[in-house]
Amino acid sequence: MTTPRLDDLDAERVAAIDNSGWGRSFTFFQPRNLAFWAYLLLVVTGLFSFASMLAGQYAAYRQAIVVAVVLFAVYGAIFWWFTHHIDRYARQPAALVVVAFLWGGFAATWTMAAHANDAVRALYAKAFGQAWALDWGPGLAAPFDEEIAKGVGLLLLISLAPRLIRTAFDGFILGAFIGLGFQIVEDVAYALGSAGSQFGANQVESAMSTVWMRMATGVSAHILYSAVFCAGLVYLVGRPAERRKVGRGLALMATAMLLHGVWDSMGALVRGHTALLFVLMLAVIVIALGVALKVFAMTVPTERRFLRAIMAPEVARGGLTAAELEAMCGDRKARKAFRKAGVGRAERTRAVHVLDAADELADALAVTRGADTGRVAFARSELARIRDGAPPPSRDAALTR
């Protein structure tokens, strides 16, 4: 009775790996794929525009540019780490993540949204007057132009990596990286614009006010909007591992645009009332974070089902305990409960390492489609060693592996 059950579990594991795209590599250079050339053209065009803008003002605002680039690079690295950290399941290859970031930073901003925003605001000015366009133009142009520009990037990525982008959660994660690229490059441009506010006399001080403001409010800006929008876009178009849900997809995309629009329209909404402005800013940030958490909770169950199917054979064979599986496939509370089940600080620390080792084993199994290779055997042995509290292997033993 045991063998058929293991065979069934192994078959389900392989199906989960194939359906999720977990462990697959990404090749960017695809000369026979039109999406590759469209992506390359738009990103290179945006990169050239951004570089030209910096080069043209570098002599006058060198200090402000250097400070803004360094600070936003550190800021972006923190968000990069966090976004990668929450992607504990079918992690996207680093190359695909970089491609997503570059689209958001250069194609979505400088090639598409910058021109579209100017054109739409000009149409508003002609239709409703210059004063109305100045008040409401940003909130009624950017949410549509910018979110659509970032969404186009996700569609191109799906064309470039159809076997990797399989679920709404994949759209959520890649959308966050697209938004991160958009936000960092846009923030640098805003900081540079502020540097010239006093004819460059106090360029660093002038730029820093914008830098700190953009950093403080960035937690609920493009990263969040794009994650929600792109998750909705995947629901709208459907994927092999994600059933098409048009209503949900349109609702999420509209929600991202609404949050973006309210944020960009705050000045017009409060009409100079500073206290009310801060209250509205705080309210939008809280609501936006709540929406992001809700979308994360909405999209992640599919990933957890894949992970459970991949690791269930390990439980049947005794390499993983049922409690470890539940913690791996559970939410933050489940993982926290697993850690707290240990008696003493050492055991709780060990529980953290056990889950990390189990995640490494899942990655190894995904890469090999469940086959028993040297990498899988080593990951299993490391999991057992950490669980038993044994010391790490000697340097010589590690080298022989």
Protein backbone atom coordinates (compact mmCIF):
# COMPACT_ATOMS: atom_id res chain seq x y z
CA MET A 1 0.00 0.00 0.00
CA THR A 2 2.94 2.33 0.62
CA THR A 3 4.50 2.17 -2.85
CA PRO A 4 1.44 3.33 -4.82
CA ARG A 5 0.95 6.21 -2.39
CA LEU A 6 4.55 7.31 -2.84
CA ASP A 7 4.22 6.96 -6.59
CA ASP A 8 1.10 9.14 -6.54
CA LEU A 9 2.83 11.74 -4.36
CA ASP A 10 5.85 11.77 -6.65
CA ALA A 11 3.61 12.26 -9.68
CA GLU A 12 1.83 15.14 -7.94
CA ARG A 13 5.21 16.65 -7.12
CA VAL A 14 6.33 16.63 -10.73
CA ALA A 15 2.99 18.10 -11.84
CA ALA A 16 3.30 20.89 -9.25
CA ILE A 17 6.84 21.70 -10.35
CA ASP A 18 5.80 21.84 -14.00
CA ASN A 19 2.66 23.88 -13.32
CA SER A 20 4.43 26.39 -11.09
CA GLY A 21 7.52 26.84 -13.25
CA TRP A 22 9.60 26.47 -10.12
CA GLY A 23 13.25 25.79 -10.85
CA ARG A 24 13.17 26.82 -14.51
CA SER A 25 15.85 29.11 -15.86
CA PHE A 26 15.31 32.29 -17.86
CA THR A 27 17.01 33.23 -21.10
CA PHE A 28 16.73 36.89 -21.98
CA PHE A 29 18.26 36.78 -25.46
CA GLN A 30 15.44 35.53 -27.68
CA PRO A 31 16.07 36.96 -31.17
CA ARG A 32 13.12 35.07 -32.66
CA ASN A 33 10.70 36.50 -30.11
CA LEU A 34 9.18 39.86 -31.09
CA ALA A 35 8.63 40.63 -27.39
CA PHE A 36 12.41 40.61 -26.89
CA TRP A 37 12.94 43.31 -29.52
CA ALA A 38 10.02 45.40 -28.26
CA TYR A 39 11.39 45.22 -24.71
CA LEU A 40 14.93 46.03 -25.82
CA LEU A 41 13.89 49.00 -27.95
CA LEU A 42 11.74 50.59 -25.25
CA VAL A 43 14.20 50.04 -22.40
CA VAL A 44 17.22 51.27 -24.37
CA THR A 45 15.27 54.35 -25.50
CA GLY A 46 14.29 55.14 -21.91
CA LEU A 47 17.81 54.52 -20.64
CA PHE A 48 19.23 56.88 -23.25
CA SER A 49 16.70 59.59 -22.31
CA PHE A 50 17.45 59.27 -18.59
CA ALA A 51 21.21 59.22 -19.12
CA SER A 52 20.99 62.25 -21.39
CA MET A 53 19.03 64.13 -18.76
CA LEU A 54 21.61 63.35 -16.06
CA ALA A 55 24.55 64.15 -18.35
CA GLY A 56 23.03 67.48 -19.32
CA GLN A 57 22.70 68.60 -15.71
CA TYR A 58 25.63 66.80 -14.10
CA ALA A 59 28.01 69.75 -14.31
CA ALA A 60 25.59 72.06 -12.50
CA TYR A 61 24.07 69.60 -10.04
CA ARG A 62 26.79 67.00 -9.56
CA GLN A 63 26.55 66.88 -5.78
CA ALA A 64 22.76 66.53 -5.72
CA ILE A 65 22.85 63.80 -8.37
CA VAL A 66 25.47 61.76 -6.53
CA VAL A 67 23.68 62.07 -3.17
CA ALA A 68 20.28 61.19 -4.65
CA VAL A 69 21.59 58.21 -6.63
CA VAL A 70 23.47 56.78 -3.63
CA LEU A 71 20.62 57.21 -1.16
CA PHE A 72 17.95 55.86 -3.48
CA ALA A 73 20.22 52.96 -4.42
CA VAL A 74 20.42 51.96 -0.74
CA TYR A 75 16.69 52.55 -0.37
CA GLY A 76 15.99 50.43 -3.42
CA ALA A 77 18.27 47.66 -2.16
CA ILE A 78 16.24 47.45 1.05
CA PHE A 79 12.97 47.11 -0.86
CA TRP A 80 14.63 44.64 -3.24
CA TRP A 81 15.63 42.46 -0.28
CA PHE A 82 12.17 42.67 1.26
CA THR A 83 10.35 41.82 -1.97
CA HIS A 84 12.69 38.90 -2.56
CA HIS A 85 12.21 37.81 1.06
CA ILE A 86 8.44 37.47 0.79
CA ASP A 87 8.85 35.40 -2.39
CA ARG A 88 9.62 32.15 -0.53
CA TYR A 89 7.90 29.90 -3.04
CA ALA A 90 8.56 29.49 -6.77
CA ARG A 91 11.20 32.18 -6.75
CA GLN A 92 11.74 34.00 -10.00
CA PRO A 93 15.26 33.81 -11.49
CA ALA A 94 17.43 36.81 -10.72
CA ALA A 95 17.75 37.61 -14.44
CA LEU A 96 13.98 37.90 -14.83
CA VAL A 97 13.74 40.14 -11.77
CA VAL A 98 16.45 42.43 -13.18
CA VAL A 99 14.61 42.56 -16.51
CA ALA A 100 11.42 43.57 -14.66
CA PHE A 101 13.28 46.26 -12.70
CA LEU A 102 14.84 47.74 -15.85
CA TRP A 103 11.47 47.91 -17.58
CA GLY A 104 9.99 49.87 -14.71
CA GLY A 105 13.01 52.13 -14.40
CA PHE A 106 13.47 53.14 -18.01
CA ALA A 107 10.78 51.93 -20.44
CA ALA A 108 7.69 52.54 -18.30
CA THR A 109 8.96 55.91 -17.09
CA TRP A 110 10.94 57.70 -19.77
CA THR A 111 9.76 55.98 -22.93
CA MET A 112 6.05 55.69 -22.17
CA ALA A 113 4.58 57.40 -19.11
CA ALA A 114 6.52 60.67 -19.28
CA HIS A 115 5.28 61.42 -22.79
CA ALA A 116 1.77 60.11 -22.15
CA ASN A 117 1.37 62.19 -18.98
CA ASP A 118 2.36 65.39 -20.78
CA ALA A 119 -0.01 64.66 -23.65
CA VAL A 120 -2.99 63.84 -21.42
CA ARG A 121 -2.46 66.90 -19.21
CA ALA A 122 -2.25 69.09 -22.32
CA LEU A 123 -5.60 67.68 -23.46
CA TYR A 124 -7.10 68.40 -20.03
CA ALA A 125 -5.81 71.99 -20.19
CA LYS A 126 -7.43 72.53 -23.57
CA ALA A 127 -10.71 70.95 -22.50
CA PHE A 128 -11.10 72.31 -18.95
CA GLY A 129 -8.61 75.13 -18.59
CA GLN A 130 -5.05 75.44 -17.32
CA ALA A 131 -6.00 75.89 -13.65
CA TRP A 132 -8.16 72.75 -13.60
CA ALA A 133 -5.44 70.78 -15.38
CA LEU A 134 -2.83 71.85 -12.83
CA ASP A 135 -5.08 70.75 -9.94
CA TRP A 136 -6.52 67.51 -11.28
CA GLY A 137 -4.31 66.59 -14.21
CA PRO A 138 -1.72 64.59 -12.21
CA GLY A 139 -4.38 62.48 -10.50
CA LEU A 140 -6.31 61.85 -13.70
CA ALA A 141 -3.35 61.15 -15.98
CA ALA A 142 -0.56 59.35 -14.10
CA PRO A 143 -2.68 56.52 -12.61
CA PHE A 144 -3.79 55.42 -16.07
CA ASP A 145 -0.63 56.12 -18.06
CA GLU A 146 1.86 54.83 -15.53
CA GLU A 147 0.03 51.72 -14.37
CA ILE A 148 -0.73 50.71 -17.96
CA ALA A 149 2.92 51.32 -18.92
CA LYS A 150 4.05 49.05 -16.09
CA GLY A 151 1.41 46.49 -16.98
CA VAL A 152 2.65 46.39 -20.57
CA GLY A 153 5.99 45.36 -19.13
CA LEU A 154 4.42 42.38 -17.37
CA LEU A 155 2.75 41.29 -20.62
CA LEU A 156 6.12 41.39 -22.36
CA LEU A 157 7.66 39.39 -19.53
CA ILE A 158 4.93 36.77 -19.90
CA SER A 159 5.81 36.55 -23.58
CA LEU A 160 9.49 36.21 -22.70
CA ALA A 161 9.01 33.76 -19.83
CA PRO A 162 5.64 31.98 -20.23
CA ARG A 163 6.80 28.95 -18.24
CA LEU A 164 7.90 31.07 -15.29
CA ILE A 165 5.01 33.52 -14.84
CA ARG A 166 2.17 31.15 -13.99
CA THR A 167 0.15 32.66 -11.15
CA ALA A 168 -1.23 35.94 -9.87
CA PHE A 169 1.40 35.76 -7.13
CA ASP A 170 4.08 35.82 -9.83
CA GLY A 171 2.42 38.95 -11.19
CA PHE A 172 2.36 40.44 -7.69
CA ILE A 173 6.10 39.87 -7.15
CA LEU A 174 7.26 40.93 -10.62
CA GLY A 175 4.90 43.91 -10.50
CA ALA A 176 6.59 44.98 -7.28
CA PHE A 177 10.00 44.87 -8.96
CA ILE A 178 8.68 46.80 -11.97
CA GLY A 179 7.30 49.39 -9.57
CA LEU A 180 10.58 49.49 -7.66
CA GLY A 181 12.47 50.37 -10.84
CA PHE A 182 9.89 53.02 -11.73
CA GLN A 183 9.99 54.53 -8.26
CA ILE A 184 13.78 54.70 -7.89
CA VAL A 185 14.36 56.36 -11.26
CA GLU A 186 11.43 58.73 -10.78
CA ASP A 187 12.66 59.67 -7.30
CA VAL A 188 16.10 60.54 -8.65
CA ALA A 189 14.48 62.78 -11.26
CA TYR A 190 12.32 64.52 -8.61
CA ALA A 191 15.35 65.06 -6.38
CA LEU A 192 17.26 66.58 -9.30
CA GLY A 193 14.33 68.88 -10.02
CA SER A 194 14.35 70.09 -6.42
CA ALA A 195 18.09 70.75 -6.54
CA GLY A 196 17.53 73.64 -8.92
CA SER A 197 14.84 75.31 -6.81
CA GLN A 198 17.31 77.92 -5.47
CA PHE A 199 19.33 78.21 -8.69
CA GLY A 200 21.60 75.44 -7.42
CA ALA A 201 22.88 77.47 -4.45
CA ASN A 202 21.84 74.86 -1.88
CA GLN A 203 21.36 71.94 -4.20
CA VAL A 204 22.05 69.15 -1.71
CA GLU A 205 19.81 70.62 0.99
CA SER A 206 17.04 71.28 -1.52
CA ALA A 207 17.31 67.77 -2.96
CA MET A 208 17.35 66.13 0.48
CA SER A 209 13.92 67.48 1.38
CA THR A 210 12.52 65.64 -1.64
CA VAL A 211 14.64 62.56 -0.94
CA TRP A 212 13.34 62.18 2.62
CA MET A 213 9.75 62.81 1.58
CA ARG A 214 9.91 60.27 -1.24
CA MET A 215 11.51 57.72 1.05
CA ALA A 216 8.92 58.24 3.79
CA THR A 217 5.97 57.86 1.42
CA GLY A 218 7.54 55.31 -0.91
CA VAL A 219 6.24 52.37 1.11
CA SER A 220 2.80 52.90 -0.44
CA ALA A 221 3.80 54.19 -3.86
CA HIS A 222 4.72 52.57 -7.17
CA ILE A 223 5.96 49.30 -5.69
CA LEU A 224 2.59 48.68 -4.11
CA TYR A 225 0.50 50.02 -6.98
CA SER A 226 2.32 47.87 -9.53
CA ALA A 227 2.15 44.74 -7.40
CA VAL A 228 -1.63 45.07 -7.05
CA PHE A 229 -2.14 46.10 -10.70
CA CYS A 230 -0.03 43.27 -12.11
CA ALA A 231 -1.68 40.67 -9.89
CA GLY A 232 -4.99 41.88 -11.28
CA LEU A 233 -3.59 41.77 -14.81
CA VAL A 234 -2.71 38.08 -14.41
CA TYR A 235 -6.24 37.38 -13.17
CA LEU A 236 -7.60 39.29 -16.15
CA VAL A 237 -5.64 37.42 -18.84
CA GLY A 238 -5.40 34.08 -17.01
CA ARG A 239 -2.45 31.71 -16.84
CA PRO A 240 -2.08 27.91 -16.95
CA ALA A 241 -1.85 27.72 -13.17
CA GLU A 242 -4.28 30.59 -12.48
CA ARG A 243 -7.86 30.43 -13.65
CA ARG A 244 -9.05 33.56 -15.41
CA LYS A 245 -11.12 35.82 -13.15
CA VAL A 246 -12.06 38.91 -15.12
CA GLY A 247 -14.04 40.65 -12.37
CA ARG A 248 -11.32 40.20 -9.77
CA GLY A 249 -8.65 41.28 -12.21
CA LEU A 250 -10.43 44.47 -13.22
CA ALA A 251 -11.21 45.27 -9.56
CA LEU A 252 -7.55 44.98 -8.53
CA MET A 253 -6.35 47.03 -11.48
CA ALA A 254 -8.94 49.71 -10.75
CA THR A 255 -7.99 49.70 -7.06
CA ALA A 256 -4.35 50.34 -7.89
CA MET A 257 -5.32 53.22 -10.18
CA LEU A 258 -7.68 54.66 -7.56
CA LEU A 259 -5.03 54.62 -4.82
CA HIS A 260 -2.56 56.19 -7.22
CA GLY A 261 -5.08 58.79 -8.31
CA VAL A 262 -6.05 59.84 -4.79
CA TRP A 263 -2.39 60.20 -3.86
CA ASP A 264 -1.63 62.40 -6.86
CA SER A 265 -4.78 64.50 -6.27
CA MET A 266 -4.22 65.31 -2.60
CA GLY A 267 -3.28 68.90 -3.24
CA ALA A 268 -6.53 69.52 -5.07
CA LEU A 269 -8.57 67.59 -2.51
CA VAL A 270 -7.38 69.48 0.60
CA ARG A 271 -6.93 72.92 -1.00
CA GLY A 272 -4.01 74.13 1.14
CA HIS A 273 -5.12 72.66 4.48
CA THR A 274 -1.79 71.29 5.73
CA ALA A 275 -3.20 69.36 8.68
CA LEU A 276 -5.84 67.73 6.50
CA LEU A 277 -3.15 66.89 3.94
CA PHE A 278 -1.14 64.87 6.48
CA VAL A 279 -4.27 63.10 7.70
CA LEU A 280 -5.22 62.16 4.15
CA MET A 281 -1.66 61.02 3.39
CA LEU A 282 -1.63 58.78 6.45
CA ALA A 283 -5.05 57.38 5.61
CA VAL A 284 -4.04 56.56 2.03
CA ILE A 285 -0.82 54.90 3.19
CA VAL A 286 -2.67 52.73 5.73
CA ILE A 287 -5.38 51.77 3.23
CA ALA A 288 -2.79 51.02 0.53
CA LEU A 289 -0.80 48.77 2.86
CA GLY A 290 -4.02 47.01 3.84
CA VAL A 291 -4.86 46.43 0.18
CA ALA A 292 -1.39 45.02 -0.49
CA LEU A 293 -1.67 42.60 2.43
CA LYS A 294 -5.09 41.51 1.22
CA VAL A 295 -3.83 40.89 -2.33
CA PHE A 296 -0.83 38.98 -0.99
CA ALA A 297 -3.15 36.78 1.08
CA MET A 298 -5.40 36.35 -1.98
CA THR A 299 -2.65 35.25 -4.35
CA VAL A 300 -0.29 33.22 -2.17
CA PRO A 301 -2.47 30.10 -1.50
CA THR A 302 -1.75 28.73 -5.00
CA GLU A 303 1.98 28.93 -4.29
CA ARG A 304 1.51 27.20 -0.96
CA ARG A 305 -0.39 24.37 -2.62
CA PHE A 306 2.48 23.89 -5.03
CA LEU A 307 4.96 23.85 -2.17
CA ARG A 308 2.88 21.31 -0.25
CA ALA A 309 2.72 19.01 -3.27
CA ILE A 310 6.48 19.28 -3.79
CA MET A 311 7.35 18.50 -0.17
CA ALA A 312 4.64 15.92 0.67
CA PRO A 313 6.79 12.98 -0.56
CA GLU A 314 9.48 14.06 1.88
CA VAL A 315 7.03 13.66 4.76
CA ALA A 316 5.96 10.24 3.50
CA ARG A 317 9.61 9.15 3.37
CA GLY A 318 10.42 10.54 6.80
CA GLY A 319 12.78 13.28 5.66
CA LEU A 320 10.41 16.05 6.77
CA THR A 321 8.03 16.14 9.69
CA ALA A 322 4.36 17.01 9.35
CA ALA A 323 4.88 20.00 11.64
CA GLU A 324 7.69 21.29 9.43
CA LEU A 325 5.53 20.91 6.33
CA GLU A 326 2.68 22.83 7.93
CA ALA A 327 5.05 25.62 8.95
CA MET A 328 6.58 25.78 5.46
CA CYS A 329 3.22 25.96 3.75
CA GLY A 330 1.54 28.12 6.35
CA ASP A 331 1.38 31.85 6.87
CA ARG A 332 3.53 34.01 9.11
CA LYS A 333 1.60 32.92 12.19
CA ALA A 334 2.18 29.25 11.40
CA ARG A 335 5.92 29.77 11.02
CA LYS A 336 6.03 31.81 14.19
CA ALA A 337 4.13 29.11 16.11
CA PHE A 338 6.60 26.50 14.85
CA ARG A 339 9.52 28.56 16.09
CA LYS A 340 7.94 29.20 19.47
CA ALA A 341 7.24 25.48 19.96
CA GLY A 342 10.92 25.01 20.81
CA VAL A 343 12.00 25.18 24.44
CA GLY A 344 14.74 27.72 24.88
CA ARG A 345 16.43 30.21 22.62
CA ALA A 346 18.73 27.64 21.01
CA GLU A 347 15.86 25.43 19.90
CA ARG A 348 13.93 28.37 18.52
CA THR A 349 16.97 29.48 16.54
CA ARG A 350 17.35 25.92 15.30
CA ALA A 351 13.70 25.93 14.17
CA VAL A 352 14.42 28.97 11.99
CA HIS A 353 17.39 27.19 10.41
CA VAL A 354 15.31 24.04 9.90
CA LEU A 355 12.75 25.97 7.88
CA ASP A 356 15.50 27.65 5.88
CA ALA A 357 17.03 24.25 5.14
CA ALA A 358 13.62 22.89 4.14
CA ASP A 359 13.20 25.81 1.73
CA GLU A 360 16.61 24.99 0.24
CA LEU A 361 15.52 21.39 -0.20
CA ALA A 362 12.35 22.54 -1.99
CA ASP A 363 14.47 24.65 -4.36
CA ALA A 364 16.77 21.71 -5.05
CA LEU A 365 13.85 19.38 -5.75
CA ALA A 366 12.25 21.94 -8.08
CA VAL A 367 15.43 22.33 -10.13
CA THR A 368 15.77 18.55 -10.57
CA ARG A 369 12.01 17.92 -10.99
CA GLY A 370 12.13 15.66 -7.94
CA ALA A 371 15.07 13.54 -9.09
CA ASP A 372 17.56 12.35 -6.46
CA THR A 373 20.75 14.16 -7.39
CA GLY A 374 23.79 15.10 -5.36
CA ARG A 375 22.37 18.53 -4.65
CA VAL A 376 19.10 17.06 -3.38
CA ALA A 377 20.93 14.49 -1.24
CA PHE A 378 23.08 17.22 0.29
CA ALA A 379 20.02 19.41 1.01
CA ARG A 380 18.32 16.46 2.73
CA SER A 381 21.41 15.71 4.80
CA GLU A 382 21.71 19.36 5.84
CA LEU A 383 18.08 19.42 6.91
CA ALA A 384 18.60 16.31 9.03
CA ARG A 385 21.85 17.65 10.48
CA ILE A 386 20.33 20.98 11.50
CA ARG A 387 17.27 19.27 12.97
CA ASP A 388 19.49 16.99 15.08
CA GLY A 389 21.70 19.85 16.17
CA ALA A 390 24.82 18.23 14.73
CA PRO A 391 27.87 20.39 13.93
CA PRO A 392 28.52 21.35 10.32
CA PRO A 393 30.75 19.02 8.31
CA SER A 394 34.48 19.60 8.35
CA ARG A 395 36.10 21.57 5.57
CA ASP A 396 37.61 18.43 4.06
CA ALA A 397 34.26 16.64 4.10
CA ALA A 398 32.56 19.61 2.50
CA LEU A 399 35.16 19.71 -0.26
CA THR A 400 34.69 16.02 -1.03
CA ARG A 401 31.00 16.67 -1.62
